[in-house]
Protein backbone atom coordinates (compact mmCIF):
# COMPACT_ATOMS: atom_id res chain seq x y z
CA UNK A 1 -0.33 -28.72 -30.90
CA UNK A 2 2.55 -28.13 -33.29
CA UNK A 3 5.97 -27.26 -31.74
CA UNK A 4 7.35 -23.78 -32.18
CA UNK A 5 10.80 -23.70 -33.83
CA UNK A 6 13.66 -22.02 -31.92
CA UNK A 7 13.80 -18.95 -34.23
CA UNK A 8 9.87 -18.41 -33.71
CA UNK A 9 10.22 -18.78 -29.96
CA UNK A 10 13.05 -16.19 -30.01
CA UNK A 11 10.99 -13.91 -32.19
CA UNK A 12 8.00 -14.13 -29.79
CA UNK A 13 10.19 -13.53 -26.82
CA UNK A 14 11.63 -10.43 -28.58
CA UNK A 15 8.26 -8.96 -29.40
CA UNK A 16 7.07 -9.64 -25.83
CA UNK A 17 10.04 -7.87 -24.39
CA UNK A 18 9.66 -4.95 -26.71
CA UNK A 19 5.90 -4.57 -25.85
CA UNK A 20 6.69 -4.95 -22.10
CA UNK A 21 9.35 -2.26 -22.26
CA UNK A 22 6.87 0.00 -23.81
CA UNK A 23 4.15 -0.63 -21.20
CA UNK A 24 6.18 -0.98 -18.09
CA UNK A 25 7.30 2.75 -17.56
CA UNK A 26 3.65 3.55 -17.04
CA UNK A 27 3.46 1.55 -13.90
CA UNK A 28 6.91 2.64 -12.48
CA UNK A 29 7.53 5.47 -9.99
CA UNK A 30 9.34 8.23 -11.84
CA UNK A 31 12.77 9.07 -10.51
CA UNK A 32 13.26 12.16 -8.55
CA UNK A 33 15.58 14.75 -10.34
CA UNK A 34 17.83 17.28 -8.78
CA UNK A 35 16.25 20.62 -8.38
CA UNK A 36 12.84 19.13 -7.72
CA UNK A 37 11.17 18.65 -4.25
CA UNK A 38 10.03 14.95 -3.63
CA UNK A 39 6.75 14.79 -1.60
CA UNK A 40 7.29 14.87 2.10
CA UNK A 41 5.16 12.98 4.36
CA UNK A 42 3.96 13.41 7.99
CA UNK A 43 3.68 10.00 9.66
CA UNK A 44 1.72 8.91 12.73
CA UNK A 45 1.02 5.64 14.32
CA UNK A 46 -1.66 4.95 16.73
CA UNK A 47 -1.96 2.18 19.11
CA UNK A 48 -5.25 0.21 20.15
CA UNK A 49 -5.02 1.81 23.76
CA UNK A 50 -4.58 5.41 22.63
CA UNK A 51 -7.37 4.92 19.93
CA UNK A 52 -9.53 3.43 22.62
CA UNK A 53 -10.18 0.14 20.66
CA UNK A 54 -10.96 -2.56 23.13
CA UNK A 55 -9.53 -6.08 22.91
CA UNK A 56 -12.80 -7.56 21.93
CA UNK A 57 -13.06 -5.13 18.96
CA UNK A 58 -9.44 -5.10 17.87
CA UNK A 59 -10.10 -7.58 14.94
CA UNK A 60 -12.87 -5.43 13.56
CA UNK A 61 -12.18 -2.93 10.68
CA UNK A 62 -15.52 -3.35 8.80
CA UNK A 63 -17.88 -2.82 11.62
CA UNK A 64 -19.25 0.39 13.13
CA UNK A 65 -17.08 -0.33 16.24
CA UNK A 66 -13.42 -1.32 16.74
CA UNK A 67 -10.90 0.46 14.27
CA UNK A 68 -13.44 1.74 11.65
CA UNK A 69 -14.36 4.94 13.55
CA UNK A 70 -10.67 5.60 14.01
CA UNK A 71 -9.91 5.02 10.34
CA UNK A 72 -12.80 7.24 9.40
CA UNK A 73 -11.72 10.06 11.73
CA UNK A 74 -8.18 9.94 10.49
CA UNK A 75 -9.24 9.81 6.96
CA UNK A 76 -11.39 13.10 7.36
CA UNK A 77 -8.26 14.71 8.74
CA UNK A 78 -6.33 13.83 5.49
CA UNK A 79 -4.47 10.77 6.85
CA UNK A 80 -4.11 7.72 4.78
CA UNK A 81 -3.49 4.28 6.47
CA UNK A 82 -0.28 2.76 5.27
CA UNK A 83 0.38 -0.16 7.82
CA UNK A 84 -1.70 -2.30 10.12
CA UNK A 85 0.44 -3.85 12.88
CA UNK A 86 -0.93 -7.21 14.02
CA UNK A 87 -0.36 -9.44 17.16
CA UNK A 88 1.26 -12.61 16.02
CA UNK A 89 -0.52 -14.59 18.83
CA UNK A 90 -4.10 -13.27 18.41
CA UNK A 91 -4.08 -11.50 14.89
CA UNK A 92 -5.56 -8.45 16.68
CA UNK A 93 -4.69 -5.16 15.16
CA UNK A 94 -2.34 -3.55 17.88
CA UNK A 95 -1.80 -0.28 15.91
CA UNK A 96 -2.23 1.46 12.62
CA UNK A 97 0.19 3.81 10.88
CA UNK A 98 -0.89 6.66 8.77
CA UNK A 99 0.65 9.40 6.53
CA UNK A 100 -0.36 12.64 4.91
CA UNK A 101 1.47 15.12 2.83
CA UNK A 102 3.18 18.04 4.68
CA UNK A 103 1.72 21.36 3.75
């Protein structure tokens, strides 16, 4: 495979940078400008005891038991899960935090 000259490498890096600067803004969160209202969120965290998820079911999120019914119920009420809090010792899900837009 032939080596690239330093001029060719610089030109390729320049073209890559130009194309990345064109594409990157599509993936960035737009800044909030003065005079606009940023979205406001209601946040709620539910622990396993409050959600009535037993210790034997605290690892389950895909079965009909465990956290799945809790996630479905909150989802139907407009809540979106944003964080799962796990125990370091057992990897069980101790709590789930949700958010939804304030109306």
